[in-house]
Amino acid sequence: MRVPIGVFVKLNILLEVSIIERDYIEQRQDVKLPREKSKNRFSETEESFSFVNKELARQLRETWYSGRSGGASTWCRRMTDPKIEMHYTPPNSDTIQTKPFPIRGERANFVNKPHVIAMVGLPARGKTYISKKLCRYLNWIGISTKVFNLGEYRRHATTAYQCHEFFRPDNIKAMAIRTQCAMDALKDVCQWLESGDGEVAVFDATNSTVERRQLIRDIVVEKMGFKLFFVESVCNDPEIVEQNIMELIRKDEPLLVQVKVSSPDYANMNKEEVLADFMLRIEHYQEKYQPLDENQESDLSFMKIYNTGEKVLVHKHEGHIQSRIVYYLMNIHIVPRTIYLTRHGESVMNLEGKIGGDSELSDRGWEYAKALASYITSQNIQGLRVWTSWLKRTIQTASDVNAPQERWKALNEIDAGICEEMTYEEIADKYPTDFAARDQNKFSYRYPRGESYEDLVARLEPVIMELERQGNVLVVSHQAVLRCLLAYFLDKSADELPYLEVPLHTIIKLTPVAYGCKVGHIRLPIDAVDTHRPKPKVEMIRID
């Protein structure tokens, strides 16, 4: 059988491109080669070809279809011949795709249907805590999410909270108000999702009866065609319930502005009165409470979290979004801990104004490394673990810290591609179009052959999952990486993320608390250069 010559030419292209690409990958530590080498040469080539960067593939296609002199094989040989001078064409609209901000709408591609996450459980079981954490996580990974808290609707509908009597199941008038509030909240949920602005809505309410959950299903699934997933928080441990209640009524926490004692419900009551009233409110809910049951409600998709993660039961979860929610909620805990974030000490390239690279610490950077170790020792932090990137400047910064250390390649600085080891002035001079494009859309802009902040968020998701599982951790990393981590813990938008300030020689102390995070900045007295670039100001020009 005669094989068309085109097959041999195409195979030759694949073989030669695979050689180029493997050389390119070996120079980049953050790109993994296939774990298993195929015995079949052609299948191995196809596997390598899948790694070809977009610029290389584009030029290859142009050569293949345009019929230029020499053909694709000659072009590939020129690319690999060290005697031939290489010229780089600055990226343009054909070689780079810079998406307009916001990118969120395009990410809806993997959310084929809007989702409603409905909380279930008695008061003081951590439903609002879970709702807010879940909302923060989903927004951080690019899924537009919003919490609809039923308590806010109730407080808006009633002039003033009297006492626990409002929640008695035999209080007909109050029950009518509560039911109407639930309907209003569900209406807003559906309108928000239907408008296209949202992808996931979290309905934060007790939803403690089979009847109420069936009503939600009828509206969300049958009427609107959305996906529905229930999350029940079950606490049988009296100590955990008491801890949750005490957290809710603590007055000396200035950041807990959304706790019960700070709400209009308990505006004029002391701690003892709040505790007594709240316990009676829980008793009223318990009279009618019906936990989710896989036999009685077998048609529902749900998960049950027992005693803040001691045990998890998942029933009929469907699709990518629900799987990610289950995985995330299986990793969070409420054990008190502190996360310390710091950049590496000042590096040689920081002094030169260059980005990226793998340079050593400067003299002042080494001073910071010693000061950091002294500070950590003085804090006597129990069970501390230290995470660094694979780059020398972070490893050197943490070298004197007396604690177990781990190296994370995911914590490496953002890959600046062709702009690595250049100053911003050099980038603006050599690639003015790209420099301007990045200023216009810093979150989504991707350096040619490099990364964007959006890529970095995806790369850091496993780090976030592991941070949620850990106790006390010191993370020594880089400016862009720490911006992404801070955006997660502080619930910052994609627009704010690339401009968060993370100065050198400063420790950022994060203490997760109910509904948020305490933030402290410890500036160690060692001078360093300022590498922060503020958000460019946009001048409005009036055209008459």
Protein backbone atom coordinates (compact mmCIF):
# COMPACT_ATOMS: atom_id res chain seq x y z
CA MET A 1 0.00 0.00 0.00
CA ARG A 2 1.34 3.42 -0.95
CA VAL A 3 1.30 6.03 1.80
CA PRO A 4 0.64 9.64 0.66
CA ILE A 5 3.70 11.85 0.92
CA GLY A 6 1.73 14.30 3.08
CA VAL A 7 1.66 11.75 5.92
CA PHE A 8 5.46 11.54 5.96
CA VAL A 9 5.78 15.32 5.91
CA LYS A 10 3.33 15.74 8.78
CA LEU A 11 5.10 13.02 10.80
CA ASN A 12 8.42 14.77 10.17
CA ILE A 13 6.94 18.02 11.47
CA LEU A 14 5.68 16.31 14.62
CA LEU A 15 9.04 14.64 15.27
CA GLU A 16 11.05 17.83 14.85
CA VAL A 17 8.61 19.96 16.85
CA SER A 18 8.74 17.42 19.68
CA ILE A 19 12.52 17.88 19.90
CA ILE A 20 12.14 21.66 20.05
CA GLU A 21 9.40 21.46 22.63
CA ARG A 22 11.22 19.00 24.90
CA ASP A 23 14.27 21.30 24.93
CA TYR A 24 11.93 24.17 25.84
CA ILE A 25 10.22 22.20 28.60
CA GLU A 26 13.51 21.11 30.17
CA GLN A 27 14.37 24.78 30.66
CA ARG A 28 11.10 25.36 32.56
CA GLN A 29 10.77 23.65 35.91
CA ASP A 30 7.07 24.34 36.17
CA VAL A 31 6.13 22.22 33.14
CA LYS A 32 5.99 18.49 33.81
CA LEU A 33 6.97 15.95 31.20
CA PRO A 34 4.71 12.94 30.66
CA ARG A 35 5.34 10.44 33.45
CA GLU A 36 5.40 7.37 31.23
CA LYS A 37 7.25 7.24 27.94
CA SER A 38 5.38 5.37 25.26
CA LYS A 39 7.18 2.65 23.33
CA ASN A 40 5.49 3.88 20.20
CA ARG A 41 7.54 6.75 18.75
CA PHE A 42 4.59 8.35 17.01
CA SER A 43 2.37 8.33 20.12
CA GLU A 44 5.25 9.84 22.14
CA THR A 45 5.55 12.56 19.51
CA GLU A 46 1.86 13.35 19.70
CA GLU A 47 2.15 13.56 23.48
CA SER A 48 5.00 16.05 23.18
CA PHE A 49 3.20 17.98 20.48
CA SER A 50 0.40 18.69 22.94
CA PHE A 51 2.84 20.80 24.95
CA VAL A 52 3.77 23.05 22.02
CA ASN A 53 3.23 26.66 23.04
CA LYS A 54 0.71 28.68 21.06
CA GLU A 55 3.30 30.87 19.38
CA LEU A 56 5.23 27.88 18.03
CA ALA A 57 2.06 26.15 16.85
CA ARG A 58 0.81 29.30 15.12
CA GLN A 59 4.02 29.80 13.16
CA LEU A 60 4.05 26.12 12.26
CA ARG A 61 0.52 26.32 10.88
CA GLU A 62 1.42 29.43 8.87
CA THR A 63 4.42 27.64 7.37
CA TRP A 64 2.36 24.54 6.58
CA TYR A 65 -0.46 26.34 4.83
CA SER A 66 1.33 29.25 3.21
CA GLY A 67 3.71 27.08 1.19
CA ARG A 68 6.72 29.27 2.01
CA SER A 69 10.07 28.36 0.50
CA GLY A 70 11.73 25.55 2.38
CA GLY A 71 8.55 24.21 4.00
CA ALA A 72 7.90 23.37 7.63
CA SER A 73 10.79 20.93 7.95
CA THR A 74 13.28 23.60 6.87
CA TRP A 75 11.73 26.07 9.32
CA CYS A 76 12.04 23.56 12.17
CA ARG A 77 15.70 22.93 11.31
CA ARG A 78 16.32 26.67 11.35
CA MET A 79 14.77 26.88 14.80
CA THR A 80 17.16 24.20 16.14
CA ASP A 81 20.31 25.23 14.24
CA PRO A 82 22.57 27.15 16.70
CA LYS A 83 24.45 28.80 13.83
CA ILE A 84 21.36 30.63 12.61
CA GLU A 85 20.52 33.90 14.35
CA MET A 86 17.07 33.91 15.95
CA HIS A 87 14.79 36.93 15.65
CA TYR A 88 11.72 37.36 17.79
CA THR A 89 8.65 39.16 16.49
CA PRO A 90 6.87 41.08 19.27
CA PRO A 91 3.46 39.59 20.07
CA ASN A 92 0.50 41.15 18.32
CA SER A 93 -3.21 40.47 17.99
CA ASP A 94 -2.41 37.25 16.14
CA THR A 95 0.06 35.87 18.67
CA ILE A 96 -1.53 36.82 21.95
CA GLN A 97 -5.07 36.74 23.20
CA THR A 98 -5.75 39.31 25.90
CA LYS A 99 -9.29 38.98 27.13
CA PRO A 100 -11.19 42.09 28.22
CA PHE A 101 -11.95 42.33 31.94
CA PRO A 102 -13.90 40.83 33.52
CA ILE A 103 -13.04 37.28 32.56
CA ARG A 104 -15.77 35.85 34.76
CA GLY A 105 -18.41 35.52 32.07
CA GLU A 106 -16.19 33.35 29.93
CA ARG A 107 -15.49 31.04 32.83
CA ALA A 108 -19.16 30.09 32.83
CA ASN A 109 -18.25 27.63 30.08
CA PHE A 110 -17.78 24.88 32.67
CA VAL A 111 -20.91 25.88 34.61
CA ASN A 112 -23.45 24.51 32.17
CA LYS A 113 -26.35 25.33 34.53
CA PRO A 114 -26.62 27.79 37.41
CA HIS A 115 -26.37 26.13 40.82
CA VAL A 116 -28.18 26.79 44.08
CA ILE A 117 -26.45 25.62 47.25
CA ALA A 118 -29.03 25.45 50.06
CA MET A 119 -27.76 25.20 53.63
CA VAL A 120 -29.51 22.97 56.18
CA GLY A 121 -29.15 22.83 59.96
CA LEU A 122 -30.06 24.21 63.35
CA PRO A 123 -28.79 27.63 64.47
CA ALA A 124 -25.17 27.86 65.71
CA ARG A 125 -24.06 24.96 63.51
CA GLY A 126 -21.73 27.00 61.32
CA LYS A 127 -24.00 27.42 58.30
CA THR A 128 -23.12 31.07 57.74
CA TYR A 129 -19.43 30.32 58.30
CA ILE A 130 -19.58 27.59 55.63
CA SER A 131 -21.63 29.80 53.29
CA LYS A 132 -19.18 32.67 53.41
CA LYS A 133 -16.09 30.48 53.05
CA LEU A 134 -17.64 28.63 50.12
CA CYS A 135 -18.64 31.89 48.45
CA ARG A 136 -15.14 33.28 48.91
CA TYR A 137 -13.52 30.16 47.44
CA LEU A 138 -15.80 29.93 44.41
CA ASN A 139 -15.37 33.62 43.60
CA TRP A 140 -11.60 33.23 43.95
CA ILE A 141 -11.45 30.44 41.36
CA GLY A 142 -13.61 32.50 39.00
CA ILE A 143 -17.14 31.22 39.61
CA SER A 144 -19.47 34.16 40.29
CA THR A 145 -21.09 33.37 43.64
CA LYS A 146 -23.30 35.26 46.09
CA VAL A 147 -24.76 34.46 49.51
CA PHE A 148 -28.45 35.13 50.20
CA ASN A 149 -28.90 35.13 53.98
CA LEU A 150 -32.49 34.60 55.10
CA GLY A 151 -31.87 36.33 58.42
CA GLU A 152 -31.22 39.59 56.61
CA TYR A 153 -34.56 39.31 54.80
CA ARG A 154 -36.34 38.63 58.10
CA ARG A 155 -34.74 41.61 59.82
CA HIS A 156 -35.71 43.81 56.90
CA ALA A 157 -39.33 42.60 57.06
CA THR A 158 -39.78 43.06 60.82
CA THR A 159 -39.52 46.39 62.62
CA ALA A 160 -37.80 45.03 65.71
CA TYR A 161 -36.85 41.66 67.16
CA GLN A 162 -38.66 40.99 70.43
CA CYS A 163 -37.47 37.58 71.64
CA HIS A 164 -37.30 33.86 70.88
CA GLU A 165 -41.12 33.73 70.73
CA PHE A 166 -40.89 34.83 67.10
CA PHE A 167 -39.48 31.39 66.23
CA ARG A 168 -42.11 29.28 67.97
CA PRO A 169 -43.62 26.82 65.45
CA ASP A 170 -47.13 27.64 66.74
CA ASN A 171 -46.68 31.40 66.18
CA ILE A 172 -48.84 31.56 63.04
CA LYS A 173 -48.28 35.23 62.28
CA ALA A 174 -44.50 34.94 62.63
CA MET A 175 -44.46 31.75 60.53
CA ALA A 176 -46.24 33.58 57.72
CA ILE A 177 -43.62 36.34 57.81
CA ARG A 178 -40.77 33.83 57.80
CA THR A 179 -42.30 31.90 54.89
CA GLN A 180 -42.76 35.10 52.89
CA CYS A 181 -39.15 36.08 53.59
CA ALA A 182 -38.00 32.70 52.29
CA MET A 183 -40.04 33.17 49.11
CA ASP A 184 -38.60 36.66 48.62
CA ALA A 185 -35.07 35.35 49.07
CA LEU A 186 -35.64 32.49 46.61
CA LYS A 187 -37.10 34.95 44.12
CA ASP A 188 -33.96 37.08 44.35
CA VAL A 189 -31.80 33.96 44.00
CA CYS A 190 -33.55 32.97 40.79
CA GLN A 191 -33.52 36.49 39.34
CA TRP A 192 -29.81 36.88 40.03
CA LEU A 193 -28.94 33.56 38.42
CA GLU A 194 -31.30 34.12 35.48
CA SER A 195 -29.82 37.56 34.78
CA GLY A 196 -26.53 35.96 33.80
CA ASP A 197 -24.57 37.79 36.48
CA GLY A 198 -24.31 34.77 38.73
CA GLU A 199 -23.35 31.13 38.46
CA VAL A 200 -23.76 29.85 42.02
CA ALA A 201 -26.15 31.19 44.69
CA VAL A 202 -25.81 30.10 48.32
CA PHE A 203 -29.15 30.14 50.16
CA ASP A 204 -28.12 30.52 53.81
CA ALA A 205 -31.09 29.44 55.95
CA THR A 206 -32.05 26.60 58.30
CA ASN A 207 -34.23 24.83 55.68
CA SER A 208 -34.90 22.39 58.49
CA THR A 209 -38.02 20.55 57.26
CA VAL A 210 -38.74 18.19 54.40
CA GLU A 211 -41.59 20.46 53.34
CA ARG A 212 -39.32 23.52 53.02
CA ARG A 213 -36.69 21.56 51.08
CA GLN A 214 -39.34 20.23 48.71
CA LEU A 215 -40.56 23.79 48.15
CA ILE A 216 -37.02 24.85 47.27
CA ARG A 217 -36.69 21.93 44.87
CA ASP A 218 -39.99 22.74 43.15
CA ILE A 219 -38.87 26.32 42.52
CA VAL A 220 -35.19 25.83 41.76
CA VAL A 221 -35.23 22.56 39.81
CA GLU A 222 -38.73 22.06 38.43
CA LYS A 223 -39.62 25.66 37.64
CA MET A 224 -36.24 27.27 36.88
CA GLY A 225 -34.23 24.28 35.65
CA PHE A 226 -31.24 25.04 37.91
CA LYS A 227 -29.12 22.49 39.73
CA LEU A 228 -29.67 22.14 43.47
CA PHE A 229 -27.30 20.89 46.16
CA PHE A 230 -28.01 20.84 49.90
CA VAL A 231 -25.26 21.15 52.53
CA GLU A 232 -26.25 20.17 56.07
CA SER A 233 -24.10 20.95 59.09
CA VAL A 234 -24.78 18.51 61.92
CA CYS A 235 -23.31 19.07 65.38
CA ASN A 236 -23.97 16.46 68.05
CA ASP A 237 -20.98 17.49 70.14
CA PRO A 238 -22.15 19.88 72.91
CA GLU A 239 -18.68 21.43 73.14
CA ILE A 240 -18.71 22.43 69.46
CA VAL A 241 -22.22 23.88 69.75
CA GLU A 242 -21.22 25.85 72.85
CA GLN A 243 -18.07 27.06 71.11
CA ASN A 244 -20.14 28.24 68.13
CA ILE A 245 -22.59 30.08 70.37
CA MET A 246 -19.81 31.77 72.32
CA GLU A 247 -18.24 32.82 69.04
CA LEU A 248 -21.57 34.28 67.99
CA ILE A 249 -22.07 36.36 71.11
CA ARG A 250 -18.49 37.49 71.74
CA LYS A 251 -18.40 41.27 72.03
CA ASP A 252 -14.68 41.90 72.10
CA GLU A 253 -13.99 40.95 68.48
CA PRO A 254 -14.10 44.16 66.39
CA LEU A 255 -13.94 42.30 63.08
CA LEU A 256 -16.96 40.11 63.75
CA VAL A 257 -19.44 42.73 62.66
CA GLN A 258 -21.92 40.12 61.45
CA VAL A 259 -22.22 38.07 64.65
CA LYS A 260 -25.56 37.70 66.41
CA VAL A 261 -24.81 40.12 69.23
CA SER A 262 -23.94 42.84 66.74
CA SER A 263 -27.13 42.32 64.75
CA PRO A 264 -30.37 44.25 65.38
CA ASP A 265 -31.75 41.11 67.08
CA TYR A 266 -29.56 41.60 70.14
CA ALA A 267 -28.66 45.27 69.97
CA ASN A 268 -29.79 46.12 73.53
CA MET A 269 -29.17 42.85 75.38
CA ASN A 270 -26.25 41.76 77.55
CA LYS A 271 -24.29 38.55 77.08
CA GLU A 272 -26.32 36.42 79.50
CA GLU A 273 -29.65 37.51 77.99
CA VAL A 274 -28.37 36.80 74.49
CA LEU A 275 -27.21 33.31 75.44
CA ALA A 276 -30.50 32.40 77.14
CA ASP A 277 -32.63 33.73 74.28
CA PHE A 278 -30.51 32.02 71.67
CA MET A 279 -30.73 28.63 73.38
CA LEU A 280 -34.53 28.92 73.45
CA ARG A 281 -34.51 29.81 69.75
CA ILE A 282 -32.58 26.59 69.04
CA GLU A 283 -35.15 24.59 71.03
CA HIS A 284 -37.98 25.99 68.88
CA TYR A 285 -36.21 24.88 65.71
CA GLN A 286 -35.53 21.43 67.17
CA GLU A 287 -39.27 20.81 67.58
CA LYS A 288 -39.74 20.67 63.80
CA TYR A 289 -36.21 19.79 62.67
CA GLN A 290 -35.96 16.97 60.12
CA PRO A 291 -32.40 16.09 59.06
CA LEU A 292 -31.67 15.20 55.46
CA ASP A 293 -32.32 11.51 54.88
CA GLU A 294 -31.08 9.50 51.89
CA ASN A 295 -34.12 7.23 52.06
CA GLN A 296 -36.90 9.77 52.54
CA GLU A 297 -35.27 12.34 50.22
CA SER A 298 -33.47 10.03 47.82
CA ASP A 299 -34.10 12.35 44.87
CA LEU A 300 -32.00 15.18 46.36
CA SER A 301 -28.29 15.82 45.95
CA PHE A 302 -26.67 16.68 49.26
CA MET A 303 -23.77 16.34 51.66
CA LYS A 304 -23.82 16.18 55.46
CA ILE A 305 -20.91 17.45 57.54
CA TYR A 306 -20.77 16.03 61.07
CA ASN A 307 -19.06 17.92 63.89
CA THR A 308 -17.12 20.28 61.60
CA GLY A 309 -15.59 17.55 59.46
CA GLU A 310 -15.36 14.55 61.78
CA LYS A 311 -17.45 12.64 59.24
CA VAL A 312 -18.83 13.55 55.81
CA LEU A 313 -21.69 11.87 53.95
CA VAL A 314 -22.27 12.64 50.26
CA HIS A 315 -25.42 11.59 48.41
CA LYS A 316 -25.91 11.83 44.63
CA HIS A 317 -23.64 14.79 43.95
CA GLU A 318 -23.69 15.68 40.26
CA GLY A 319 -21.19 17.40 38.05
CA HIS A 320 -18.00 19.39 38.30
CA ILE A 321 -19.20 22.23 40.53
CA GLN A 322 -20.74 19.99 43.18
CA SER A 323 -17.61 17.81 43.19
CA ARG A 324 -15.42 20.86 43.82
CA ILE A 325 -17.72 22.03 46.59
CA VAL A 326 -17.59 18.62 48.28
CA TYR A 327 -13.80 18.49 48.03
CA TYR A 328 -13.40 22.00 49.41
CA LEU A 329 -15.77 21.52 52.34
CA MET A 330 -14.04 18.26 53.24
CA ASN A 331 -10.80 20.20 53.75
CA ILE A 332 -11.86 23.16 55.90
CA HIS A 333 -11.74 23.13 59.69
CA ILE A 334 -12.32 25.57 62.56
CA VAL A 335 -9.27 24.76 64.70
CA PRO A 336 -7.59 28.03 65.77
CA ARG A 337 -4.40 28.68 63.79
CA THR A 338 -2.32 31.48 62.29
CA ILE A 339 -0.93 31.82 58.78
CA TYR A 340 2.16 33.97 58.27
CA LEU A 341 2.89 35.27 54.78
CA THR A 342 6.12 36.97 53.77
CA ARG A 343 8.05 37.67 50.63
CA HIS A 344 11.65 36.58 50.31
CA GLY A 345 14.26 39.05 51.49
CA GLU A 346 15.43 41.71 49.06
CA SER A 347 17.20 40.05 46.11
CA VAL A 348 19.93 41.20 43.75
CA MET A 349 17.37 41.48 40.95
CA ASN A 350 15.12 43.58 43.18
CA LEU A 351 17.97 46.07 43.43
CA GLU A 352 18.36 46.02 39.64
CA GLY A 353 14.62 46.52 39.12
CA LYS A 354 14.29 43.25 37.19
CA ILE A 355 11.38 40.82 37.39
CA GLY A 356 11.47 37.03 37.66
CA GLY A 357 14.73 35.12 37.55
CA ASP A 358 16.34 33.06 40.30
CA SER A 359 18.76 35.45 41.94
CA GLU A 360 20.48 35.40 45.33
CA LEU A 361 19.57 37.60 48.27
CA SER A 362 21.19 40.99 48.61
CA ASP A 363 23.06 41.92 51.81
CA ARG A 364 19.87 43.48 53.20
CA GLY A 365 17.97 40.37 52.14
CA TRP A 366 20.26 38.21 54.27
CA GLU A 367 19.70 40.59 57.19
CA TYR A 368 15.96 40.08 56.79
CA ALA A 369 16.43 36.30 56.77
CA LYS A 370 18.12 36.49 60.17
CA ALA A 371 15.54 38.93 61.54
CA LEU A 372 12.69 36.70 60.32
CA ALA A 373 14.16 33.68 62.10
CA SER A 374 14.54 35.70 65.32
CA TYR A 375 10.94 36.92 65.14
CA ILE A 376 9.52 33.44 64.55
CA THR A 377 11.57 32.05 67.45
CA SER A 378 10.32 34.81 69.76
CA GLN A 379 6.68 33.95 68.96
CA ASN A 380 7.06 30.34 70.16
CA ILE A 381 4.57 29.08 67.55
CA GLN A 382 3.46 25.53 68.26
CA GLY A 383 3.62 23.01 65.40
CA LEU A 384 4.81 25.58 62.85
CA ARG A 385 5.57 24.40 59.32
CA VAL A 386 7.47 26.46 56.75
CA TRP A 387 6.62 26.47 53.04
CA THR A 388 8.87 28.03 50.41
CA SER A 389 9.02 28.03 46.62
CA TRP A 390 11.75 26.24 44.68
CA LEU A 391 13.60 29.49 44.00
CA LYS A 392 16.83 30.32 45.81
CA ARG A 393 15.74 33.61 47.33
CA THR A 394 12.87 32.06 49.30
CA ILE A 395 14.93 29.06 50.44
CA GLN A 396 17.70 31.40 51.62
CA THR A 397 15.18 33.61 53.44
CA ALA A 398 13.82 30.66 55.44
CA SER A 399 17.19 28.97 55.97
CA ASP A 400 17.56 30.02 59.63
CA VAL A 401 13.95 29.34 60.69
CA ASN A 402 13.92 26.41 63.10
CA ALA A 403 10.89 24.46 61.84
CA PRO A 404 10.12 21.66 59.36
CA GLN A 405 10.28 23.01 55.81
CA GLU A 406 8.61 22.03 52.54
CA ARG A 407 9.33 23.22 49.00
CA TRP A 408 6.37 23.95 46.73
CA LYS A 409 6.91 24.48 43.02
CA ALA A 410 3.38 25.93 42.96
CA LEU A 411 4.70 28.79 45.12
CA ASN A 412 7.19 29.91 42.44
CA GLU A 413 6.82 33.47 41.19
CA ILE A 414 4.58 34.22 38.21
CA ASP A 415 6.30 33.20 34.96
CA ALA A 416 7.07 36.35 32.98
CA GLY A 417 7.91 34.37 29.84
CA ILE A 418 9.96 36.39 27.35
CA CYS A 419 10.07 39.26 29.87
CA GLU A 420 11.95 37.30 32.54
CA GLU A 421 14.92 39.18 34.02
CA MET A 422 13.92 42.45 32.36
CA THR A 423 13.08 45.80 33.95
CA TYR A 424 9.67 47.36 33.37
CA GLU A 425 11.41 50.10 31.38
CA GLU A 426 12.98 47.48 29.09
CA ILE A 427 9.62 45.76 28.63
CA ALA A 428 7.91 49.06 27.78
CA ASP A 429 10.66 49.86 25.28
CA LYS A 430 10.89 46.43 23.62
CA TYR A 431 7.25 45.32 23.82
CA PRO A 432 5.17 48.51 24.16
CA THR A 433 1.93 46.87 23.01
CA ASP A 434 2.17 44.14 25.63
CA PHE A 435 3.20 46.57 28.33
CA ALA A 436 0.07 48.63 27.65
CA ALA A 437 -2.15 45.53 27.41
CA ARG A 438 -1.02 44.34 30.83
CA ASP A 439 -1.79 47.71 32.40
CA GLN A 440 -5.28 47.58 30.89
CA ASN A 441 -6.06 44.08 32.17
CA LYS A 442 -3.46 42.90 34.63
CA PHE A 443 -5.45 39.95 35.98
CA SER A 444 -6.08 38.23 32.65
CA TYR A 445 -3.04 39.38 30.66
CA ARG A 446 -0.64 36.51 30.00
CA TYR A 447 3.03 37.18 29.39
CA PRO A 448 4.07 35.67 26.02
CA ARG A 449 5.28 32.14 26.87
CA GLY A 450 4.47 32.94 30.49
CA GLU A 451 1.54 33.21 32.89
CA SER A 452 -1.25 35.55 33.91
CA TYR A 453 -2.61 36.13 37.40
CA GLU A 454 -5.57 34.06 36.30
CA ASP A 455 -3.21 31.17 35.54
CA LEU A 456 -1.52 31.71 38.89
CA VAL A 457 -4.82 31.37 40.79
CA ALA A 458 -5.41 28.00 39.12
CA ARG A 459 -1.86 26.92 39.98
CA LEU A 460 -2.33 27.90 43.64
CA GLU A 461 -5.63 26.09 44.25
CA PRO A 462 -3.89 22.98 45.70
CA VAL A 463 -1.92 25.29 48.01
CA ILE A 464 -5.17 26.83 49.29
CA MET A 465 -6.66 23.38 49.88
CA GLU A 466 -3.62 22.34 51.89
CA LEU A 467 -3.56 25.63 53.83
CA GLU A 468 -7.17 25.00 54.85
CA ARG A 469 -6.15 21.62 56.26
CA GLN A 470 -3.08 22.84 58.14
CA GLY A 471 -2.40 24.43 61.51
CA ASN A 472 0.21 27.18 61.89
CA VAL A 473 2.13 27.83 58.65
CA LEU A 474 4.78 30.31 57.50
CA VAL A 475 4.67 30.81 53.71
CA VAL A 476 7.79 32.40 52.19
CA SER A 477 7.02 33.20 48.58
CA HIS A 478 6.81 36.00 46.00
CA GLN A 479 4.82 39.18 45.36
CA ALA A 480 2.35 37.85 42.76
CA VAL A 481 1.83 34.56 44.61
CA LEU A 482 1.13 36.26 47.93
CA ARG A 483 -1.28 38.65 46.24
CA CYS A 484 -3.31 35.65 45.10
CA LEU A 485 -3.27 34.07 48.56
CA LEU A 486 -4.25 37.35 50.21
CA ALA A 487 -7.10 37.82 47.74
CA TYR A 488 -8.49 34.45 48.83
CA PHE A 489 -8.29 35.09 52.57
CA LEU A 490 -9.44 38.72 52.36
CA ASP A 491 -12.13 38.11 49.71
CA LYS A 492 -10.71 40.53 47.14
CA SER A 493 -11.99 40.72 43.57
CA ALA A 494 -10.01 39.88 40.44
CA ASP A 495 -9.78 43.59 39.72
CA GLU A 496 -8.19 44.31 43.12
CA LEU A 497 -5.95 41.23 43.29
CA PRO A 498 -3.02 42.33 41.06
CA TYR A 499 -2.61 45.60 42.97
CA LEU A 500 -2.59 44.34 46.57
CA GLU A 501 0.44 45.69 48.41
CA VAL A 502 2.90 43.05 49.63
CA PRO A 503 6.04 44.96 50.62
CA LEU A 504 9.45 43.40 51.18
CA HIS A 505 10.66 42.71 54.72
CA THR A 506 7.11 42.60 56.08
CA ILE A 507 5.27 39.70 57.72
CA ILE A 508 1.52 39.51 57.12
CA LYS A 509 -0.24 37.69 59.96
CA LEU A 510 -3.61 36.12 59.13
CA THR A 511 -5.85 34.71 61.85
CA PRO A 512 -9.02 33.06 60.48
CA VAL A 513 -12.08 33.85 62.59
CA ALA A 514 -15.82 33.44 62.12
CA TYR A 515 -16.94 35.20 58.93
CA GLY A 516 -13.52 36.60 58.10
CA CYS A 517 -9.84 36.99 58.82
CA LYS A 518 -7.86 39.19 61.19
CA VAL A 519 -4.94 40.84 59.42
CA GLY A 520 -1.78 42.21 60.98
CA HIS A 521 1.38 43.64 59.40
CA ILE A 522 4.73 43.27 61.16
CA ARG A 523 7.35 45.45 59.50
CA LEU A 524 10.89 44.39 60.43
CA PRO A 525 13.32 47.35 60.61
CA ILE A 526 15.44 46.57 57.55
CA ASP A 527 15.29 48.82 54.50
CA ALA A 528 14.37 47.41 51.08
CA VAL A 529 13.45 48.67 47.64
CA ASP A 530 9.80 49.26 46.80
CA THR A 531 8.66 46.94 43.99
CA HIS A 532 4.97 47.87 44.05
CA ARG A 533 3.48 49.33 40.85
CA PRO A 534 0.16 51.09 41.57
CA LYS A 535 -2.83 50.71 39.30
CA PRO A 536 -2.52 53.11 36.34
CA LYS A 537 -4.90 56.03 36.40
CA VAL A 538 -7.34 56.21 33.51
CA GLU A 539 -7.87 59.70 32.14
CA MET A 540 -11.34 60.43 30.81
CA ILE A 541 -11.27 62.52 27.63
CA ARG A 542 -14.45 64.32 26.70
CA ILE A 543 -15.24 64.27 22.99
CA ASP A 544 -17.66 67.00 21.91
